[in-house]
Structures are given as structure tokens and as C-alpha cells.
C-alpha atoms as a PDB file:
ATOM      1  CA  MET A   1     105.215  99.293  66.893  1.00  0.00           C
ATOM      2  CA  GLU A   2     107.863 101.641  65.547  1.00  0.00           C
ATOM      3  CA  LEU A   3     107.875 105.006  67.372  1.00  0.00           C
ATOM      4  CA  TYR A   4     107.430 107.249  64.343  1.00  0.00           C
ATOM      5  CA  ASP A   5     104.571 105.075  63.078  1.00  0.00           C
ATOM      6  CA  ALA A   6     102.850 105.458  66.437  1.00  0.00           C
ATOM      7  CA  MET A   7     103.380 109.223  66.394  1.00  0.00           C
ATOM      8  CA  ARG A   8     101.952 109.524  62.879  1.00  0.00           C
ATOM      9  CA  THR A   9      98.890 107.332  63.507  1.00  0.00           C
ATOM     10  CA  THR A  10      97.799 108.242  67.047  1.00  0.00           C
ATOM     11  CA  HIS A  11      94.562 110.043  66.271  1.00  0.00           C
ATOM     12  CA  ALA A  12      91.692 111.344  68.395  1.00  0.00           C
ATOM     13  CA  VAL A  13      89.522 108.261  68.949  1.00  0.00           C
ATOM     14  CA  ARG A  14      85.873 109.005  69.722  1.00  0.00           C
ATOM     15  CA  GLU A  15      84.216 105.735  68.670  1.00  0.00           C
ATOM     16  CA  PHE A  16      84.996 102.496  70.439  1.00  0.00           C
ATOM     17  CA  THR A  17      84.187  98.819  70.020  1.00  0.00           C
ATOM     18  CA  ASP A  18      82.699  96.734  72.812  1.00  0.00           C
ATOM     19  CA  ASP A  19      86.099  95.235  73.568  1.00  0.00           C
ATOM     20  CA  PRO A  20      87.196  95.683  77.187  1.00  0.00           C
ATOM     21  CA  LEU A  21      90.402  97.410  78.240  1.00  0.00           C
ATOM     22  CA  PRO A  22      91.658  95.013  80.941  1.00  0.00           C
ATOM     23  CA  ASP A  23      93.488  96.316  83.988  1.00  0.00           C
ATOM     24  CA  ASP A  24      96.687  94.499  83.025  1.00  0.00           C
ATOM     25  CA  VAL A  25      96.787  96.196  79.612  1.00  0.00           C
ATOM     26  CA  LEU A  26      95.897  99.574  81.095  1.00  0.00           C
ATOM     27  CA  GLY A  27      98.579  99.022  83.711  1.00  0.00           C
ATOM     28  CA  ARG A  28     101.143  98.308  81.002  1.00  0.00           C
ATOM     29  CA  ILE A  29     100.106 101.453  79.121  1.00  0.00           C
ATOM     30  CA  LEU A  30     100.484 103.665  82.190  1.00  0.00           C
ATOM     31  CA  ASP A  31     103.607 101.859  83.385  1.00  0.00           C
ATOM     32  CA  ASN A  32     105.350 102.938  80.198  1.00  0.00           C
ATOM     33  CA  ALA A  33     103.692 106.361  79.994  1.00  0.00           C
ATOM     34  CA  ARG A  34     104.935 107.286  83.485  1.00  0.00           C
ATOM     35  CA  PHE A  35     108.421 107.959  82.116  1.00  0.00           C
ATOM     36  CA  ALA A  36     107.183 111.237  80.656  1.00  0.00           C
ATOM     37  CA  PRO A  37     109.172 114.250  81.894  1.00  0.00           C
ATOM     38  CA  SER A  38     107.827 116.749  84.410  1.00  0.00           C
ATOM     39  CA  GLY A  39     109.164 120.019  85.794  1.00  0.00           C
ATOM     40  CA  GLY A  40     111.990 119.316  88.248  1.00  0.00           C
ATOM     41  CA  ASN A  41     111.004 115.635  87.981  1.00  0.00           C
ATOM     42  CA  ARG A  42     108.445 116.413  90.704  1.00  0.00           C
ATOM     43  CA  GLN A  43     105.933 114.048  89.098  1.00  0.00           C
ATOM     44  CA  GLY A  44     102.886 115.880  90.409  1.00  0.00           C
ATOM     45  CA  ALA A  45     100.413 114.147  88.100  1.00  0.00           C
ATOM     46  CA  HIS A  46      97.661 111.823  89.275  1.00  0.00           C
ATOM     47  CA  VAL A  47      95.442 109.625  87.100  1.00  0.00           C
ATOM     48  CA  VAL A  48      91.969 108.546  88.188  1.00  0.00           C
ATOM     49  CA  VAL A  49      90.656 105.465  86.338  1.00  0.00           C
ATOM     50  CA  VAL A  50      86.888 105.708  85.988  1.00  0.00           C
ATOM     51  CA  ARG A  51      84.747 102.722  85.053  1.00  0.00           C
ATOM     52  CA  SER A  52      81.620 103.425  87.112  1.00  0.00           C
ATOM     53  CA  PRO A  53      78.551 104.226  84.968  1.00  0.00           C
ATOM     54  CA  GLU A  54      77.301 106.642  87.629  1.00  0.00           C
ATOM     55  CA  THR A  55      80.546 108.610  87.606  1.00  0.00           C
ATOM     56  CA  ARG A  56      80.520 108.662  83.807  1.00  0.00           C
ATOM     57  CA  GLU A  57      77.023 110.147  83.762  1.00  0.00           C
ATOM     58  CA  ARG A  58      78.146 112.858  86.134  1.00  0.00           C
ATOM     59  CA  LEU A  59      81.118 113.528  83.842  1.00  0.00           C
ATOM     60  CA  VAL A  60      78.659 113.982  80.987  1.00  0.00           C
ATOM     61  CA  GLU A  61      76.677 116.480  83.055  1.00  0.00           C
ATOM     62  CA  LEU A  62      79.828 118.425  83.900  1.00  0.00           C
ATOM     63  CA  THR A  63      80.830 118.446  80.226  1.00  0.00           C
ATOM     64  CA  LEU A  64      77.630 120.117  79.005  1.00  0.00           C
ATOM     65  CA  PRO A  65      78.124 123.742  80.191  1.00  0.00           C
ATOM     66  CA  GLY A  66      81.585 124.051  78.647  1.00  0.00           C
ATOM     67  CA  ALA A  67      80.443 122.341  75.470  1.00  0.00           C
ATOM     68  CA  ARG A  68      77.416 124.631  75.120  1.00  0.00           C
ATOM     69  CA  ARG A  69      79.590 127.724  75.253  1.00  0.00           C
ATOM     70  CA  TYR A  70      82.112 126.188  72.871  1.00  0.00           C
ATOM     71  CA  LEU A  71      79.454 125.340  70.280  1.00  0.00           C
ATOM     72  CA  ALA A  72      77.579 128.622  70.670  1.00  0.00           C
ATOM     73  CA  GLN A  73      80.738 130.630  70.098  1.00  0.00           C
ATOM     74  CA  GLN A  74      81.720 128.442  67.167  1.00  0.00           C
ATOM     75  CA  LYS A  75      78.304 128.947  65.569  1.00  0.00           C
ATOM     76  CA  ALA A  76      78.626 132.726  66.070  1.00  0.00           C
ATOM     77  CA  GLY A  77      81.972 132.786  64.281  1.00  0.00           C
ATOM     78  CA  GLU A  78      83.978 133.336  67.465  1.00  0.00           C
ATOM     79  CA  ARG A  79      87.012 131.444  68.681  1.00  0.00           C
ATOM     80  CA  PRO A  80      85.580 129.311  71.492  1.00  0.00           C
ATOM     81  CA  TRP A  81      86.859 129.925  75.018  1.00  0.00           C
ATOM     82  CA  ASN A  82      89.525 132.286  73.680  1.00  0.00           C
ATOM     83  CA  THR A  83      91.238 134.434  76.308  1.00  0.00           C
ATOM     84  CA  VAL A  84      92.432 137.094  73.843  1.00  0.00           C
ATOM     85  CA  THR A  85      89.111 137.931  72.194  1.00  0.00           C
ATOM     86  CA  PRO A  86      86.168 137.957  74.636  1.00  0.00           C
ATOM     87  CA  SER A  87      82.810 136.522  73.669  1.00  0.00           C
ATOM     88  CA  ALA A  88      79.860 138.747  72.773  1.00  0.00           C
ATOM     89  CA  LEU A  89      77.298 136.021  73.452  1.00  0.00           C
ATOM     90  CA  THR A  90      74.757 136.213  76.242  1.00  0.00           C
ATOM     91  CA  GLN A  91      74.276 133.447  78.765  1.00  0.00           C
ATOM     92  CA  GLU A  92      70.805 132.898  77.312  1.00  0.00           C
ATOM     93  CA  GLN A  93      72.296 132.219  73.878  1.00  0.00           C
ATOM     94  CA  ILE A  94      74.741 129.766  75.374  1.00  0.00           C
ATOM     95  CA  GLU A  95      72.093 127.949  77.403  1.00  0.00           C
ATOM     96  CA  ALA A  96      69.924 127.535  74.300  1.00  0.00           C
ATOM     97  CA  THR A  97      72.672 125.660  72.444  1.00  0.00           C
ATOM     98  CA  ARG A  98      72.202 121.917  71.984  1.00  0.00           C
ATOM     99  CA  VAL A  99      75.173 119.639  72.556  1.00  0.00           C
ATOM    100  CA  PRO A 100      75.295 116.719  70.076  1.00  0.00           C
ATOM    101  CA  HIS A 101      75.774 113.272  71.525  1.00  0.00           C
ATOM    102  CA  GLN A 102      79.113 112.926  69.707  1.00  0.00           C
ATOM    103  CA  MET A 103      80.641 115.226  72.316  1.00  0.00           C
ATOM    104  CA  THR A 104      79.445 113.191  75.290  1.00  0.00           C
ATOM    105  CA  GLU A 105      78.919 109.628  74.051  1.00  0.00           C
ATOM    106  CA  PRO A 106      82.626 108.676  74.249  1.00  0.00           C
ATOM    107  CA  LEU A 107      82.405 109.164  78.023  1.00  0.00           C
ATOM    108  CA  ARG A 108      79.672 106.534  78.121  1.00  0.00           C
ATOM    109  CA  GLN A 109      80.891 104.183  75.395  1.00  0.00           C
ATOM    110  CA  ALA A 110      84.594 103.815  76.166  1.00  0.00           C
ATOM    111  CA  PRO A 111      85.483 100.945  78.523  1.00  0.00           C
ATOM    112  CA  VAL A 112      87.474 103.333  80.699  1.00  0.00           C
ATOM    113  CA  VAL A 113      87.788 107.072  81.256  1.00  0.00           C
ATOM    114  CA  LEU A 114      91.039 108.537  82.590  1.00  0.00           C
ATOM    115  CA  VAL A 115      90.990 111.816  84.509  1.00  0.00           C
ATOM    116  CA  PHE A 116      94.426 113.442  84.475  1.00  0.00           C
ATOM    117  CA  LEU A 117      95.188 115.779  87.377  1.00  0.00           C
ATOM    118  CA  VAL A 118      98.233 117.842  88.331  1.00  0.00           C
ATOM    119  CA  ASP A 119      99.140 119.070  91.814  1.00  0.00           C
ATOM    120  CA  LEU A 120      99.656 122.827  91.578  1.00  0.00           C
ATOM    121  CA  ALA A 121     101.398 122.731  94.954  1.00  0.00           C
ATOM    122  CA  VAL A 122     104.424 121.010  93.435  1.00  0.00           C
ATOM    123  CA  VAL A 123     104.739 122.515  89.938  1.00  0.00           C
ATOM    124  CA  ALA A 124     106.689 125.645  88.997  1.00  0.00           C
ATOM    125  CA  SER A 125     104.278 128.026  87.249  1.00  0.00           C
ATOM    126  CA  LEU A 126     106.830 130.464  85.841  1.00  0.00           C
ATOM    127  CA  ASP A 127     104.134 132.350  83.948  1.00  0.00           C
ATOM    128  CA  ALA A 128     102.002 132.951  87.049  1.00  0.00           C
ATOM    129  CA  GLU A 129     102.741 136.689  87.118  1.00  0.00           C
ATOM    130  CA  LEU A 130     102.279 137.313  83.406  1.00  0.00           C
ATOM    131  CA  ASP A 131      99.163 139.084  82.172  1.00  0.00           C
ATOM    132  CA  ARG A 132      97.779 136.068  80.327  1.00  0.00           C
ATOM    133  CA  VAL A 133      96.326 132.665  80.972  1.00  0.00           C
ATOM    134  CA  GLY A 134      98.874 130.252  82.449  1.00  0.00           C
ATOM    135  CA  VAL A 135     100.175 127.380  80.339  1.00  0.00           C
ATOM    136  CA  ILE A 136     103.507 126.378  81.890  1.00  0.00           C
ATOM    137  CA  SER A 137     102.004 124.118  84.562  1.00  0.00           C
ATOM    138  CA  GLY A 138     100.682 121.903  81.776  1.00  0.00           C
ATOM    139  CA  GLY A 139     104.250 120.944  80.969  1.00  0.00           C
ATOM    140  CA  SER A 140     104.215 118.732  84.051  1.00  0.00           C
ATOM    141  CA  VAL A 141     101.176 116.695  82.994  1.00  0.00           C
ATOM    142  CA  TYR A 142     100.544 116.818  79.243  1.00  0.00           C
ATOM    143  CA  PRO A 143     103.666 114.818  78.324  1.00  0.00           C
ATOM    144  CA  LEU A 144     102.168 112.050  80.471  1.00  0.00           C
ATOM    145  CA  VAL A 145      98.833 112.375  78.674  1.00  0.00           C
ATOM    146  CA  GLN A 146     100.465 112.109  75.251  1.00  0.00           C
ATOM    147  CA  ASN A 147     102.682 109.232  76.357  1.00  0.00           C
ATOM    148  CA  THR A 148      99.547 107.438  77.499  1.00  0.00           C
ATOM    149  CA  LEU A 149      97.931 107.871  74.082  1.00  0.00           C
ATOM    150  CA  LEU A 150     101.094 106.689  72.311  1.00  0.00           C
ATOM    151  CA  ALA A 151     101.357 103.643  74.579  1.00  0.00           C
ATOM    152  CA  ALA A 152      97.669 102.901  74.002  1.00  0.00           C
ATOM    153  CA  ARG A 153      98.264 103.037  70.250  1.00  0.00           C
ATOM    154  CA  ASN A 154     101.057 100.512  70.664  1.00  0.00           C
ATOM    155  CA  GLU A 155      98.597  98.184  72.428  1.00  0.00           C
ATOM    156  CA  GLY A 156      95.902  98.598  69.776  1.00  0.00           C
ATOM    157  CA  PHE A 157      93.823 101.045  71.809  1.00  0.00           C
ATOM    158  CA  GLY A 158      93.206 104.771  71.578  1.00  0.00           C
ATOM    159  CA  GLY A 159      91.566 107.747  73.197  1.00  0.00           C
ATOM    160  CA  VAL A 160      90.833 111.435  72.896  1.00  0.00           C
ATOM    161  CA  ILE A 161      91.845 114.389  75.057  1.00  0.00           C
ATOM    162  CA  THR A 162      88.711 116.207  76.181  1.00  0.00           C
ATOM    163  CA  THR A 163      88.683 119.358  78.299  1.00  0.00           C
ATOM    164  CA  MET A 164      85.065 120.566  78.272  1.00  0.00           C
ATOM    165  CA  ALA A 165      84.469 119.331  81.830  1.00  0.00           C
ATOM    166  CA  VAL A 166      87.374 121.439  83.089  1.00  0.00           C
ATOM    167  CA  ALA A 167      85.046 124.452  82.973  1.00  0.00           C
ATOM    168  CA  ALA A 168      83.328 122.804  85.954  1.00  0.00           C
ATOM    169  CA  GLU A 169      86.580 121.952  87.710  1.00  0.00           C
ATOM    170  CA  PRO A 170      85.440 122.368  91.354  1.00  0.00           C
ATOM    171  CA  GLU A 171      82.614 119.898  90.813  1.00  0.00           C
ATOM    172  CA  LEU A 172      84.902 117.541  88.897  1.00  0.00           C
ATOM    173  CA  LEU A 173      87.519 117.564  91.651  1.00  0.00           C
ATOM    174  CA  ASP A 174      84.776 116.787  94.141  1.00  0.00           C
ATOM    175  CA  LEU A 175      83.495 113.966  91.942  1.00  0.00           C
ATOM    176  CA  VAL A 176      86.837 112.154  91.941  1.00  0.00           C
ATOM    177  CA  GLY A 177      87.704 113.144  95.519  1.00  0.00           C
ATOM    178  CA  ALA A 178      90.803 115.156  94.593  1.00  0.00           C
ATOM    179  CA  PRO A 179      92.335 117.760  96.924  1.00  0.00           C
ATOM    180  CA  ALA A 180      91.751 121.432  96.141  1.00  0.00           C
ATOM    181  CA  THR A 181      95.414 121.968  95.186  1.00  0.00           C
ATOM    182  CA  TYR A 182      94.926 119.843  92.086  1.00  0.00           C
ATOM    183  CA  ALA A 183      93.893 121.044  88.638  1.00  0.00           C
ATOM    184  CA  VAL A 184      92.189 118.963  85.973  1.00  0.00           C
ATOM    185  CA  ALA A 185      94.275 118.695  82.806  1.00  0.00           C
ATOM    186  CA  ALA A 186      92.202 116.311  80.691  1.00  0.00           C
ATOM    187  CA  VAL A 187      89.440 113.733  80.659  1.00  0.00           C
ATOM    188  CA  VAL A 188      90.387 110.901  78.291  1.00  0.00           C
ATOM    189  CA  PRO A 189      87.920 108.181  77.209  1.00  0.00           C
ATOM    190  CA  MET A 190      89.951 105.180  76.088  1.00  0.00           C
ATOM    191  CA  GLY A 191      89.227 101.899  74.354  1.00  0.00           C
ATOM    192  CA  ARG A 192      89.694  99.975  71.131  1.00  0.00           C
ATOM    193  CA  PRO A 193      88.951 102.174  68.088  1.00  0.00           C
ATOM    194  CA  VAL A 194      86.132 101.241  65.736  1.00  0.00           C
ATOM    195  CA  LYS A 195      88.422 102.459  62.965  1.00  0.00           C
ATOM    196  CA  GLN A 196      92.183 102.892  63.107  1.00  0.00           C
ATOM    197  CA  LEU A 197      93.387 105.723  60.915  1.00  0.00           C
ATOM    198  CA  SER A 198      96.709 105.257  59.161  1.00  0.00           C
ATOM    199  CA  ARG A 199      97.072 108.690  57.611  1.00  0.00           C
ATOM    200  CA  LEU A 200      96.539 111.932  59.556  1.00  0.00           C
ATOM    201  CA  ARG A 201      96.330 115.439  58.153  1.00  0.00           C
ATOM    202  CA  ARG A 202      98.589 118.018  59.782  1.00  0.00           C
ATOM    203  CA  GLN A 203     100.129 121.254  58.552  1.00  0.00           C
ATOM    204  CA  PRO A 204     103.672 120.861  57.156  1.00  0.00           C
ATOM    205  CA  ILE A 205     106.523 122.037  59.386  1.00  0.00           C
ATOM    206  CA  GLU A 206     107.272 124.857  56.937  1.00  0.00           C
ATOM    207  CA  GLU A 207     104.048 126.504  58.091  1.00  0.00           C
ATOM    208  CA  PHE A 208     104.881 126.688  61.797  1.00  0.00           C
ATOM    209  CA  VAL A 209     108.653 126.212  62.251  1.00  0.00           C
ATOM    210  CA  THR A 210     110.944 129.190  61.538  1.00  0.00           C
ATOM    211  CA  LEU A 211     114.651 129.840  61.936  1.00  0.00           C
ATOM    212  CA  GLU A 212     116.046 132.290  64.489  1.00  0.00           C
ATOM    213  CA  THR A 213     112.929 134.513  64.818  1.00  0.00           C
ATOM    214  CA  PHE A 214     109.135 134.206  64.624  1.00  0.00           C
ATOM    215  CA  SER A 215     109.195 135.704  61.118  1.00  0.00           C
ATOM    216  CA  GLY A 216     112.378 133.931  60.062  1.00  0.00           C
ATOM    217  CA  ALA A 217     112.755 131.612  57.106  1.00  0.00           C
ATOM    218  CA  PRO A 218     110.878 128.322  57.437  1.00  0.00           C
ATOM    219  CA  LEU A 219     112.711 125.145  58.297  1.00  0.00           C
ATOM    220  CA  ARG A 220     112.647 122.961  55.205  1.00  0.00           C
ATOM    221  CA  THR A 221     113.191 119.219  55.192  1.00  0.00           C
ATOM    222  CA  GLY A 222     113.894 118.779  51.498  1.00  0.00           C
ATOM    223  CA  PRO A 223     115.778 120.556  48.708  1.00  0.00           C
ATOM    224  CA  GLU A 224     114.597 124.046  47.905  1.00  0.00           C
ATOM    225  CA  SER A 225     112.320 124.320  44.890  1.00  0.00           C
END
């Protein structure tokens, strides 16, 4: 399909049909997605293809703690897992929070789950010494994740980037047998969507693109009103 159409219709797919995602189609998706850029072209990403029901159930278990905190903070009016504003919730409040099946069912229902990893031993984390959470290392793996979703859209499939299980990263790395130098970037259930959206809602570029400075005039795509 045309690139811009794919970009405008690749939505977060959480409900899947019973259709399989054959290895040859998945291979074609990843074979095209692999041309995503990475820092220094070091290509430190690794993708684990999970089909095993037992592994999926363990992924669900590892998802629950992060999801409980996310939902508890959301219910309390906080910004979940935010590193700027700390949470005021107690562990007891978090543990008492129920996680709806919508947050875990895609891991069971999708024909395949992709675990995206990045080798921290080969990426350049230029923000490592800054007094904030690091984000630069993601530049060497998230383009691959998005390329995978775009390629899946082109093949009539879709998925959703989930990160709740990353809160239990040591256990997740052990589950997929990854070395300790790797970090988990995303867990992506993938399959054929029950419903394919054709119109997504996103903020216009005037609301987040400015000229020259953060508070500069917005970039406008049409004639001024």
C-alpha cells in the first residue's frame, strides 16, 4: 500500500481474528523492517518470536505488576510511571488494583508475540550522564519496532506496542534467555485485526511543531487564516 496511507492507518491493534500469521509472512515483514536505522548502524536489536502458550502466560504474569501501578496511578489522577512527578500511592493501593483482561488478552489471543530487545553494550547512550531517565538508546530499536508495524499493516496485519512487562525486565530477559546486557524495548502482540481503522485521531502539527524555538510560531501547512 502507499506509504502515507500506511502511516495514517497503522493503529494500535488489540483485538485479533483467529487467522494465523505464517512464518513466511512474518519473515517478509521483518525482512523489510530490518532496514530501520540504528545508531552508528550497529544494529544491536534482537527480536524474539513467541508462539508458545506457556511463554505467553508467563508474559501475562510479568505484565501485571506494571499494569497495576499504571492503573492505580491513573485512577488517582497521577501520570502513570512518570519520572518527573513521583507517585504518592502505597504499595498496598497498587496491589489492590485489578487489571482488566483487555490489557493482557492480546498476549494470549494474537497468533504471535514479538519481544524487541536492544544490546546496551553496542549502543551509544549519549544521555547516560544526564540527571533524567535515558531515552537515547531507544533510537537504536524503536525505528525497527515502528517499521515492523508499518510492514505488518502493508500485509494486512497489525499489532500494539506494550511495555508493562518491562517493569519486570530481569525476569523477562530470563524468560526469553537473553544476555544481561540487553534491555527490553517492547512486547508486541501481532495478528490480523478484527477491525481495521481507516481514520486515526492525532493532534495537528500546529500543536507540537514550532519554528526556531520551543515557544516559536507553529509550523502551518496551509494558508494563514
